Amino acid sequence: QAPGKQRELVAIISSGGGTNYGDTVKGRFTISRDNAK
């Protein structure tokens, strides 16, 4: 969330590893996870 703007999606990842990115960050940001932690 930037000042004066609505909160927006950056990236999400399921426990199964499926991902989804916001359009403005695709190709620049990478989401990952460690299920054990």
Full PDB file with SEQRES, HELIX, SHEET, SSBOND, CRYST1, ORIGX, SCALE, CONECT and MASTER records, all heavy atoms in Angstrom:
SEQRES   1 A   37  GLN ALA PRO GLY LYS GLN ARG GLU LEU VAL ALA ILE ILE          
SEQRES   2 A   37  SER SER GLY GLY GLY THR ASN TYR GLY ASP THR VAL LYS          
SEQRES   3 A   37  GLY ARG PHE THR ILE SER ARG ASP ASN ALA LYS                  
SHEET    1 AA1 2 ALA A  11  ILE A  13  0                                        
SHEET    2 AA1 2 THR A  19  TYR A  21 -1                                        
CRYST1    1.000    1.000    1.000  90.00  90.00  90.00 P 1           1          
ORIGX1      1.000000  0.000000  0.000000        0.00000                         
ORIGX2      0.000000  1.000000  0.000000        0.00000                         
ORIGX3      0.000000  0.000000  1.000000        0.00000                         
SCALE1      1.000000  0.000000  0.000000        0.00000                         
SCALE2      0.000000  1.000000  0.000000        0.00000                         
SCALE3      0.000000  0.000000  1.000000        0.00000                         
ATOM      1  N   GLN A   1       0.843  -1.187   0.000  1.00  0.00           N  
ATOM      2  CA  GLN A   1       0.000   0.000   0.000  1.00  0.00           C  
ATOM      3  C   GLN A   1       0.879   1.237   0.000  1.00  0.00           C  
ATOM      4  O   GLN A   1       1.664   1.445   0.929  1.00  0.00           O  
ATOM      5  CB  GLN A   1      -0.926   0.006   1.215  1.00  0.00           C  
ATOM      6  CG  GLN A   1      -1.958   1.111   1.181  1.00  0.00           C  
ATOM      7  CD  GLN A   1      -3.064   0.898   2.197  1.00  0.00           C  
ATOM      8  OE1 GLN A   1      -2.924   0.130   3.151  1.00  0.00           O  
ATOM      9  NE2 GLN A   1      -4.192   1.554   1.992  1.00  0.00           N  
ATOM     10  N   ALA A   2       0.726   2.022  -1.037  1.00  0.00           N  
ATOM     11  CA  ALA A   2       1.433   3.289  -1.146  1.00  0.00           C  
ATOM     12  C   ALA A   2       0.546   4.398  -0.583  1.00  0.00           C  
ATOM     13  O   ALA A   2      -0.677   4.244  -0.534  1.00  0.00           O  
ATOM     14  CB  ALA A   2       1.780   3.570  -2.604  1.00  0.00           C  
ATOM     15  N   PRO A   3       1.135   5.513  -0.173  1.00  0.00           N  
ATOM     16  CA  PRO A   3       0.334   6.609   0.383  1.00  0.00           C  
ATOM     17  C   PRO A   3      -0.760   7.069  -0.569  1.00  0.00           C  
ATOM     18  O   PRO A   3      -0.504   7.309  -1.757  1.00  0.00           O  
ATOM     19  CB  PRO A   3       1.366   7.719   0.612  1.00  0.00           C  
ATOM     20  CG  PRO A   3       2.645   6.987   0.792  1.00  0.00           C  
ATOM     21  CD  PRO A   3       2.569   5.798  -0.112  1.00  0.00           C  
ATOM     22  N   GLY A   4      -1.975   7.138  -0.078  1.00  0.00           N  
ATOM     23  CA  GLY A   4      -3.088   7.607  -0.889  1.00  0.00           C  
ATOM     24  C   GLY A   4      -3.653   6.587  -1.855  1.00  0.00           C  
ATOM     25  O   GLY A   4      -4.542   6.908  -2.650  1.00  0.00           O  
ATOM     26  N   LYS A   5      -3.135   5.367  -1.796  1.00  0.00           N  
ATOM     27  CA  LYS A   5      -3.613   4.335  -2.720  1.00  0.00           C  
ATOM     28  C   LYS A   5      -4.177   3.143  -1.953  1.00  0.00           C  
ATOM     29  O   LYS A   5      -3.911   2.969  -0.767  1.00  0.00           O  
ATOM     30  CB  LYS A   5      -2.467   3.879  -3.631  1.00  0.00           C  
ATOM     31  CG  LYS A   5      -1.956   4.953  -4.577  1.00  0.00           C  
ATOM     32  CD  LYS A   5      -0.957   4.385  -5.553  1.00  0.00           C  
ATOM     33  CE  LYS A   5      -0.505   5.428  -6.556  1.00  0.00           C  
ATOM     34  NZ  LYS A   5       0.456   4.862  -7.554  1.00  0.00           N  
ATOM     35  N   GLN A   6      -4.939   2.329  -2.666  1.00  0.00           N  
ATOM     36  CA  GLN A   6      -5.490   1.126  -2.058  1.00  0.00           C  
ATOM     37  C   GLN A   6      -4.422   0.034  -1.957  1.00  0.00           C  
ATOM     38  O   GLN A   6      -3.457   0.022  -2.735  1.00  0.00           O  
ATOM     39  CB  GLN A   6      -6.671   0.610  -2.891  1.00  0.00           C  
ATOM     40  CG  GLN A   6      -7.914   1.479  -2.815  1.00  0.00           C  
ATOM     41  CD  GLN A   6      -9.108   0.842  -3.509  1.00  0.00           C  
ATOM     42  OE1 GLN A   6      -8.961   0.087  -4.460  1.00  0.00           O  
ATOM     43  NE2 GLN A   6     -10.305   1.141  -3.018  1.00  0.00           N  
ATOM     44  N   ARG A   7      -4.624  -0.866  -1.016  1.00  0.00           N  
ATOM     45  CA  ARG A   7      -3.726  -2.003  -0.902  1.00  0.00           C  
ATOM     46  C   ARG A   7      -3.901  -2.885  -2.144  1.00  0.00           C  
ATOM     47  O   ARG A   7      -5.024  -3.131  -2.592  1.00  0.00           O  
ATOM     48  CB  ARG A   7      -4.042  -2.799   0.366  1.00  0.00           C  
ATOM     49  CG  ARG A   7      -2.979  -3.820   0.732  1.00  0.00           C  
ATOM     50  CD  ARG A   7      -3.235  -4.396   2.119  1.00  0.00           C  
ATOM     51  NE  ARG A   7      -3.098  -3.377   3.161  1.00  0.00           N  
ATOM     52  CZ  ARG A   7      -3.100  -3.665   4.466  1.00  0.00           C  
ATOM     53  NH1 ARG A   7      -3.218  -4.932   4.870  1.00  0.00           N  
ATOM     54  NH2 ARG A   7      -2.990  -2.692   5.349  1.00  0.00           N  
ATOM     55  N   GLU A   8      -2.777  -3.347  -2.691  1.00  0.00           N  
ATOM     56  CA  GLU A   8      -2.844  -4.139  -3.910  1.00  0.00           C  
ATOM     57  C   GLU A   8      -2.019  -5.411  -3.784  1.00  0.00           C  
ATOM     58  O   GLU A   8      -1.059  -5.489  -3.016  1.00  0.00           O  
ATOM     59  CB  GLU A   8      -2.333  -3.329  -5.110  1.00  0.00           C  
ATOM     60  CG  GLU A   8      -0.865  -2.936  -5.035  1.00  0.00           C  
ATOM     61  CD  GLU A   8      -0.371  -2.250  -6.301  1.00  0.00           C  
ATOM     62  OE1 GLU A   8      -1.166  -2.052  -7.247  1.00  0.00           O  
ATOM     63  OE2 GLU A   8       0.834  -1.922  -6.355  1.00  0.00           O  
ATOM     64  N   LEU A   9      -2.392  -6.382  -4.592  1.00  0.00           N  
ATOM     65  CA  LEU A   9      -1.679  -7.651  -4.625  1.00  0.00           C  
ATOM     66  C   LEU A   9      -0.292  -7.466  -5.215  1.00  0.00           C  
ATOM     67  O   LEU A   9      -0.129  -6.835  -6.257  1.00  0.00           O  
ATOM     68  CB  LEU A   9      -2.460  -8.660  -5.472  1.00  0.00           C  
ATOM     69  CG  LEU A   9      -1.718  -9.942  -5.863  1.00  0.00           C  
ATOM     70  CD1 LEU A   9      -1.541 -10.842  -4.649  1.00  0.00           C  
ATOM     71  CD2 LEU A   9      -2.443 -10.669  -6.979  1.00  0.00           C  
ATOM     72  N   VAL A  10       0.696  -8.058  -4.556  1.00  0.00           N  
ATOM     73  CA  VAL A  10       2.035  -8.151  -5.129  1.00  0.00           C  
ATOM     74  C   VAL A  10       2.245  -9.570  -5.653  1.00  0.00           C  
ATOM     75  O   VAL A  10       2.489  -9.774  -6.834  1.00  0.00           O  
ATOM     76  CB  VAL A  10       3.121  -7.790  -4.103  1.00  0.00           C  
ATOM     77  CG1 VAL A  10       4.505  -7.973  -4.708  1.00  0.00           C  
ATOM     78  CG2 VAL A  10       2.937  -6.361  -3.608  1.00  0.00           C  
ATOM     79  N   ALA A  11       2.141 -10.540  -4.755  1.00  0.00           N  
ATOM     80  CA  ALA A  11       2.309 -11.935  -5.147  1.00  0.00           C  
ATOM     81  C   ALA A  11       1.788 -12.836  -4.047  1.00  0.00           C  
ATOM     82  O   ALA A  11       1.870 -12.490  -2.868  1.00  0.00           O  
ATOM     83  CB  ALA A  11       3.779 -12.254  -5.422  1.00  0.00           C  
ATOM     84  N   ILE A  12       1.250 -13.983  -4.456  1.00  0.00           N  
ATOM     85  CA  ILE A  12       0.811 -14.991  -3.494  1.00  0.00           C  
ATOM     86  C   ILE A  12       1.307 -16.353  -3.938  1.00  0.00           C  
ATOM     87  O   ILE A  12       1.579 -16.574  -5.124  1.00  0.00           O  
ATOM     88  CB  ILE A  12      -0.728 -15.027  -3.340  1.00  0.00           C  
ATOM     89  CG1 ILE A  12      -1.417 -15.253  -4.678  1.00  0.00           C  
ATOM     90  CG2 ILE A  12      -1.242 -13.761  -2.663  1.00  0.00           C  
ATOM     91  CD1 ILE A  12      -2.922 -15.445  -4.575  1.00  0.00           C  
ATOM     92  N   ILE A  13       1.419 -17.265  -2.955  1.00  0.00           N  
ATOM     93  CA  ILE A  13       1.879 -18.613  -3.247  1.00  0.00           C  
ATOM     94  C   ILE A  13       1.142 -19.582  -2.336  1.00  0.00           C  
ATOM     95  O   ILE A  13       1.019 -19.342  -1.136  1.00  0.00           O  
ATOM     96  CB  ILE A  13       3.413 -18.730  -3.085  1.00  0.00           C  
ATOM     97  CG1 ILE A  13       3.907 -20.124  -3.466  1.00  0.00           C  
ATOM     98  CG2 ILE A  13       3.857 -18.349  -1.673  1.00  0.00           C  
ATOM     99  CD1 ILE A  13       5.429 -20.199  -3.606  1.00  0.00           C  
ATOM    100  N   SER A  14       0.651 -20.649  -2.919  1.00  0.00           N  
ATOM    101  CA  SER A  14      -0.058 -21.656  -2.144  1.00  0.00           C  
ATOM    102  C   SER A  14       0.937 -22.636  -1.525  1.00  0.00           C  
ATOM    103  O   SER A  14       2.105 -22.685  -1.919  1.00  0.00           O  
ATOM    104  CB  SER A  14      -1.049 -22.409  -3.021  1.00  0.00           C  
ATOM    105  OG  SER A  14      -0.337 -23.252  -3.915  1.00  0.00           O  
ATOM    106  N   SER A  15       0.441 -23.422  -0.596  1.00  0.00           N  
ATOM    107  CA  SER A  15       1.300 -24.434   0.016  1.00  0.00           C  
ATOM    108  C   SER A  15       1.738 -25.483  -1.000  1.00  0.00           C  
ATOM    109  O   SER A  15       2.753 -26.143  -0.813  1.00  0.00           O  
ATOM    110  CB  SER A  15       0.587 -25.099   1.200  1.00  0.00           C  
ATOM    111  OG  SER A  15      -0.727 -25.487   0.845  1.00  0.00           O  
ATOM    112  N   GLY A  16       0.985 -25.575  -2.095  1.00  0.00           N  
ATOM    113  CA  GLY A  16       1.359 -26.499  -3.161  1.00  0.00           C  
ATOM    114  C   GLY A  16       2.333 -25.910  -4.162  1.00  0.00           C  
ATOM    115  O   GLY A  16       2.813 -26.606  -5.057  1.00  0.00           O  
ATOM    116  N   GLY A  17       2.608 -24.609  -4.017  1.00  0.00           N  
ATOM    117  CA  GLY A  17       3.589 -23.964  -4.877  1.00  0.00           C  
ATOM    118  C   GLY A  17       3.031 -23.129  -6.008  1.00  0.00           C  
ATOM    119  O   GLY A  17       3.778 -22.480  -6.741  1.00  0.00           O  
ATOM    120  N   GLY A  18       1.717 -23.109  -6.159  1.00  0.00           N  
ATOM    121  CA  GLY A  18       1.138 -22.269  -7.191  1.00  0.00           C  
ATOM    122  C   GLY A  18       1.295 -20.801  -6.859  1.00  0.00           C  
ATOM    123  O   GLY A  18       1.186 -20.406  -5.695  1.00  0.00           O  
ATOM    124  N   THR A  19       1.573 -19.972  -7.867  1.00  0.00           N  
ATOM    125  CA  THR A  19       1.835 -18.556  -7.644  1.00  0.00           C  
ATOM    126  C   THR A  19       0.940 -17.669  -8.502  1.00  0.00           C  
ATOM    127  O   THR A  19       0.434 -18.096  -9.550  1.00  0.00           O  
ATOM    128  CB  THR A  19       3.295 -18.201  -7.949  1.00  0.00           C  
ATOM    129  OG1 THR A  19       3.580 -18.511  -9.315  1.00  0.00           O  
ATOM    130  CG2 THR A  19       4.249 -18.974  -7.057  1.00  0.00           C  
ATOM    131  N   ASN A  20       0.794 -16.441  -8.042  1.00  0.00           N  
ATOM    132  CA  ASN A  20       0.091 -15.434  -8.814  1.00  0.00           C  
ATOM    133  C   ASN A  20       0.747 -14.099  -8.496  1.00  0.00           C  
ATOM    134  O   ASN A  20       1.038 -13.807  -7.332  1.00  0.00           O  
ATOM    135  CB  ASN A  20      -1.400 -15.400  -8.437  1.00  0.00           C  
ATOM    136  CG  ASN A  20      -2.200 -14.500  -9.350  1.00  0.00           C  
ATOM    137  OD1 ASN A  20      -1.880 -14.366 -10.534  1.00  0.00           O  
ATOM    138  ND2 ASN A  20      -3.236 -13.893  -8.827  1.00  0.00           N  
ATOM    139  N   TYR A  21       0.982 -13.289  -9.536  1.00  0.00           N  
ATOM    140  CA  TYR A  21       1.666 -12.012  -9.378  1.00  0.00           C  
ATOM    141  C   TYR A  21       0.800 -10.863  -9.862  1.00  0.00           C  
ATOM    142  O   TYR A  21       0.028 -11.003 -10.817  1.00  0.00           O  
ATOM    143  CB  TYR A  21       2.967 -11.995 -10.176  1.00  0.00           C  
ATOM    144  CG  TYR A  21       4.036 -12.911  -9.670  1.00  0.00           C  
ATOM    145  CD1 TYR A  21       4.126 -14.231 -10.097  1.00  0.00           C  
ATOM    146  CD2 TYR A  21       4.987 -12.463  -8.742  1.00  0.00           C  
ATOM    147  CE1 TYR A  21       5.114 -15.078  -9.628  1.00  0.00           C  
ATOM    148  CE2 TYR A  21       5.984 -13.293  -8.272  1.00  0.00           C  
ATOM    149  CZ  TYR A  21       6.040 -14.605  -8.720  1.00  0.00           C  
ATOM    150  OH  TYR A  21       7.033 -15.444  -8.243  1.00  0.00           O  
ATOM    151  N   GLY A  22       0.992  -9.715  -9.216  1.00  0.00           N  
ATOM    152  CA  GLY A  22       0.378  -8.511  -9.747  1.00  0.00           C  
ATOM    153  C   GLY A  22       1.050  -8.127 -11.049  1.00  0.00           C  
ATOM    154  O   GLY A  22       2.238  -8.385 -11.255  1.00  0.00           O  
ATOM    155  N   ASP A  23       0.307  -7.489 -11.934  1.00  0.00           N  
ATOM    156  CA  ASP A  23       0.820  -7.178 -13.259  1.00  0.00           C  
ATOM    157  C   ASP A  23       2.061  -6.286 -13.211  1.00  0.00           C  
ATOM    158  O   ASP A  23       2.950  -6.409 -14.057  1.00  0.00           O  
ATOM    159  CB  ASP A  23      -0.269  -6.498 -14.093  1.00  0.00           C  
ATOM    160  CG  ASP A  23      -1.368  -7.457 -14.498  1.00  0.00           C  
ATOM    161  OD1 ASP A  23      -1.136  -8.684 -14.474  1.00  0.00           O  
ATOM    162  OD2 ASP A  23      -2.471  -6.981 -14.841  1.00  0.00           O  
ATOM    163  N   THR A  24       2.127  -5.387 -12.249  1.00  0.00           N  
ATOM    164  CA  THR A  24       3.220  -4.418 -12.224  1.00  0.00           C  
ATOM    165  C   THR A  24       4.544  -5.013 -11.742  1.00  0.00           C  
ATOM    166  O   THR A  24       5.587  -4.365 -11.892  1.00  0.00           O  
ATOM    167  CB  THR A  24       2.870  -3.223 -11.318  1.00  0.00           C  
ATOM    168  OG1 THR A  24       2.598  -3.696  -9.998  1.00  0.00           O  
ATOM    169  CG2 THR A  24       1.656  -2.486 -11.861  1.00  0.00           C  
ATOM    170  N   VAL A  25       4.524  -6.218 -11.200  1.00  0.00           N  
ATOM    171  CA  VAL A  25       5.764  -6.795 -10.676  1.00  0.00           C  
ATOM    172  C   VAL A  25       6.199  -8.047 -11.423  1.00  0.00           C  
ATOM    173  O   VAL A  25       7.273  -8.595 -11.147  1.00  0.00           O  
ATOM    174  CB  VAL A  25       5.638  -7.125  -9.171  1.00  0.00           C  
ATOM    175  CG1 VAL A  25       5.189  -5.896  -8.393  1.00  0.00           C  
ATOM    176  CG2 VAL A  25       4.705  -8.305  -8.923  1.00  0.00           C  
ATOM    177  N   LYS A  26       5.388  -8.503 -12.356  1.00  0.00           N  
ATOM    178  CA  LYS A  26       5.732  -9.713 -13.105  1.00  0.00           C  
ATOM    179  C   LYS A  26       7.078  -9.549 -13.807  1.00  0.00           C  
ATOM    180  O   LYS A  26       7.340  -8.518 -14.424  1.00  0.00           O  
ATOM    181  CB  LYS A  26       4.642 -10.021 -14.129  1.00  0.00           C  
ATOM    182  CG  LYS A  26       3.363 -10.565 -13.530  1.00  0.00           C  
ATOM    183  CD  LYS A  26       2.321 -10.841 -14.607  1.00  0.00           C  
ATOM    184  CE  LYS A  26       1.045 -11.375 -13.995  1.00  0.00           C  
ATOM    185  NZ  LYS A  26      -0.021 -11.582 -15.004  1.00  0.00           N  
ATOM    186  N   GLY A  27       7.908 -10.572 -13.674  1.00  0.00           N  
ATOM    187  CA  GLY A  27       9.226 -10.542 -14.300  1.00  0.00           C  
ATOM    188  C   GLY A  27      10.300  -9.876 -13.460  1.00  0.00           C  
ATOM    189  O   GLY A  27      11.484  -9.977 -13.776  1.00  0.00           O  
ATOM    190  N   ARG A  28       9.900  -9.197 -12.392  1.00  0.00           N  
ATOM    191  CA  ARG A  28      10.882  -8.515 -11.534  1.00  0.00           C  
ATOM    192  C   ARG A  28      10.921  -9.105 -10.123  1.00  0.00           C  
ATOM    193  O   ARG A  28      11.973  -9.148  -9.494  1.00  0.00           O  
ATOM    194  CB  ARG A  28      10.554  -7.024 -11.429  1.00  0.00           C  
ATOM    195  CG  ARG A  28      10.578  -6.304 -12.767  1.00  0.00           C  
ATOM    196  CD  ARG A  28      10.429  -4.787 -12.578  1.00  0.00           C  
ATOM    197  NE  ARG A  28       9.150  -4.429 -11.980  1.00  0.00           N  
ATOM    198  CZ  ARG A  28       9.018  -3.722 -10.858  1.00  0.00           C  
ATOM    199  NH1 ARG A  28      10.091  -3.314 -10.203  1.00  0.00           N  
ATOM    200  NH2 ARG A  28       7.814  -3.431 -10.383  1.00  0.00           N  
ATOM    201  N   PHE A  29       9.775  -9.533  -9.634  1.00  0.00           N  
ATOM    202  CA  PHE A  29       9.675 -10.078  -8.281  1.00  0.00           C  
ATOM    203  C   PHE A  29       9.457 -11.582  -8.349  1.00  0.00           C  
ATOM    204  O   PHE A  29       8.803 -12.086  -9.274  1.00  0.00           O  
ATOM    205  CB  PHE A  29       8.500  -9.459  -7.526  1.00  0.00           C  
ATOM    206  CG  PHE A  29       8.653  -8.005  -7.196  1.00  0.00           C  
ATOM    207  CD1 PHE A  29       9.688  -7.227  -7.696  1.00  0.00           C  
ATOM    208  CD2 PHE A  29       7.727  -7.387  -6.360  1.00  0.00           C  
ATOM    209  CE1 PHE A  29       9.809  -5.881  -7.387  1.00  0.00           C  
ATOM    210  CE2 PHE A  29       7.832  -6.046  -6.034  1.00  0.00           C  
ATOM    211  CZ  PHE A  29       8.873  -5.295  -6.560  1.00  0.00           C  
ATOM    212  N   THR A  30       9.983 -12.293  -7.350  1.00  0.00           N  
ATOM    213  CA  THR A  30       9.792 -13.731  -7.256  1.00  0.00           C  
ATOM    214  C   THR A  30       9.395 -14.097  -5.830  1.00  0.00           C  
ATOM    215  O   THR A  30      10.089 -13.725  -4.878  1.00  0.00           O  
ATOM    216  CB  THR A  30      11.073 -14.490  -7.632  1.00  0.00           C  
ATOM    217  OG1 THR A  30      11.471 -14.128  -8.956  1.00  0.00           O  
ATOM    218  CG2 THR A  30      10.836 -15.995  -7.567  1.00  0.00           C  
ATOM    219  N   ILE A  31       8.288 -14.804  -5.715  1.00  0.00           N  
ATOM    220  CA  ILE A  31       7.838 -15.262  -4.406  1.00  0.00           C  
ATOM    221  C   ILE A  31       8.219 -16.723  -4.217  1.00  0.00           C  
ATOM    222  O   ILE A  31       8.197 -17.514  -5.176  1.00  0.00           O  
ATOM    223  CB  ILE A  31       6.311 -15.059  -4.243  1.00  0.00           C  
ATOM    224  CG1 ILE A  31       5.896 -15.279  -2.780  1.00  0.00           C  
ATOM    225  CG2 ILE A  31       5.524 -15.950  -5.193  1.00  0.00           C  
ATOM    226  CD1 ILE A  31       4.477 -14.831  -2.486  1.00  0.00           C  
ATOM    227  N   SER A  32       8.578 -17.075  -2.998  1.00  0.00           N  
ATOM    228  CA  SER A  32       8.907 -18.459  -2.670  1.00  0.00           C  
ATOM    229  C   SER A  32       8.510 -18.714  -1.222  1.00  0.00           C  
ATOM    230  O   SER A  32       8.177 -17.772  -0.478  1.00  0.00           O  
ATOM    231  CB  SER A  32      10.403 -18.724  -2.876  1.00  0.00           C  
ATOM    232  OG  SER A  32      11.185 -17.892  -2.031  1.00  0.00           O  
ATOM    233  N   ARG A  33       8.539 -19.972  -0.825  1.00  0.00           N  
ATOM    234  CA  ARG A  33       8.150 -20.286   0.548  1.00  0.00           C  
ATOM    235  C   ARG A  33       8.883 -21.508   1.048  1.00  0.00           C  
ATOM    236  O   ARG A  33       9.399 -22.316   0.267  1.00  0.00           O  
ATOM    237  CB  ARG A  33       6.644 -20.482   0.657  1.00  0.00           C  
ATOM    238  CG  ARG A  33       6.067 -21.638  -0.105  1.00  0.00           C  
ATOM    239  CD  ARG A  33       4.546 -21.656   0.024  1.00  0.00           C  
ATOM    240  NE  ARG A  33       4.148 -22.000   1.389  1.00  0.00           N  
ATOM    241  CZ  ARG A  33       2.939 -21.745   1.889  1.00  0.00           C  
ATOM    242  NH1 ARG A  33       2.010 -21.152   1.151  1.00  0.00           N  
ATOM    243  NH2 ARG A  33       2.655 -22.091   3.133  1.00  0.00           N  
ATOM    244  N   ASP A  34       8.923 -21.634   2.361  1.00  0.00           N  
ATOM    245  CA  ASP A  34       9.480 -22.799   3.036  1.00  0.00           C  
ATOM    246  C   ASP A  34       8.375 -23.328   3.943  1.00  0.00           C  
ATOM    247  O   ASP A  34       8.115 -22.751   5.010  1.00  0.00           O  
ATOM    248  CB  ASP A  34      10.719 -22.388   3.837  1.00  0.00           C  
ATOM    249  CG  ASP A  34      11.417 -23.571   4.494  1.00  0.00           C  
ATOM    250  OD1 ASP A  34      10.742 -24.593   4.746  1.00  0.00           O  
ATOM    251  OD2 ASP A  34      12.607 -23.460   4.764  1.00  0.00           O  
ATOM    252  N   ASN A  35       7.715 -24.388   3.530  1.00  0.00           N  
ATOM    253  CA  ASN A  35       6.572 -24.892   4.288  1.00  0.00           C  
ATOM    254  C   ASN A  35       6.977 -25.378   5.675  1.00  0.00           C  
ATOM    255  O   ASN A  35       6.204 -25.269   6.628  1.00  0.00           O  
ATOM    256  CB  ASN A  35       5.886 -26.016   3.519  1.00  0.00           C  
ATOM    257  CG  ASN A  35       5.140 -25.499   2.299  1.00  0.00           C  
ATOM    258  OD1 ASN A  35       4.754 -24.327   2.229  1.00  0.00           O  
ATOM    259  ND2 ASN A  35       4.946 -26.368   1.319  1.00  0.00           N  
ATOM    260  N   ALA A  36       8.172 -25.917   5.787  1.00  0.00           N  
ATOM    261  CA  ALA A  36       8.629 -26.423   7.087  1.00  0.00           C  
ATOM    262  C   ALA A  36       8.763 -25.299   8.106  1.00  0.00           C  
ATOM    263  O   ALA A  36       8.606 -25.524   9.309  1.00  0.00           O  
ATOM    264  CB  ALA A  36       9.950 -27.158   6.931  1.00  0.00           C  
ATOM    265  N   LYS A  37       9.038 -24.095   7.618  1.00  0.00           N  
ATOM    266  CA  LYS A  37       9.209 -22.937   8.505  1.00  0.00           C  
ATOM    267  C   LYS A  37       7.996 -22.025   8.512  1.00  0.00           C  
ATOM    268  O   LYS A  37       8.006 -20.993   9.186  1.00  0.00           O  
ATOM    269  CB  LYS A  37      10.442 -22.138   8.081  1.00  0.00           C  
ATOM    270  CG  LYS A  37      11.754 -22.904   8.204  1.00  0.00           C  
ATOM    271  CD  LYS A  37      12.929 -22.034   7.771  1.00  0.00           C  
ATOM    272  CE  LYS A  37      14.250 -22.773   7.920  1.00  0.00           C  
ATOM    273  NZ  LYS A  37      15.408 -21.945   7.483  1.00  0.00           N  
TER     274      LYS A  37                                                      
MASTER        0    0    0    0    2    0    0    6  273    1    0    3          
END                                                                             
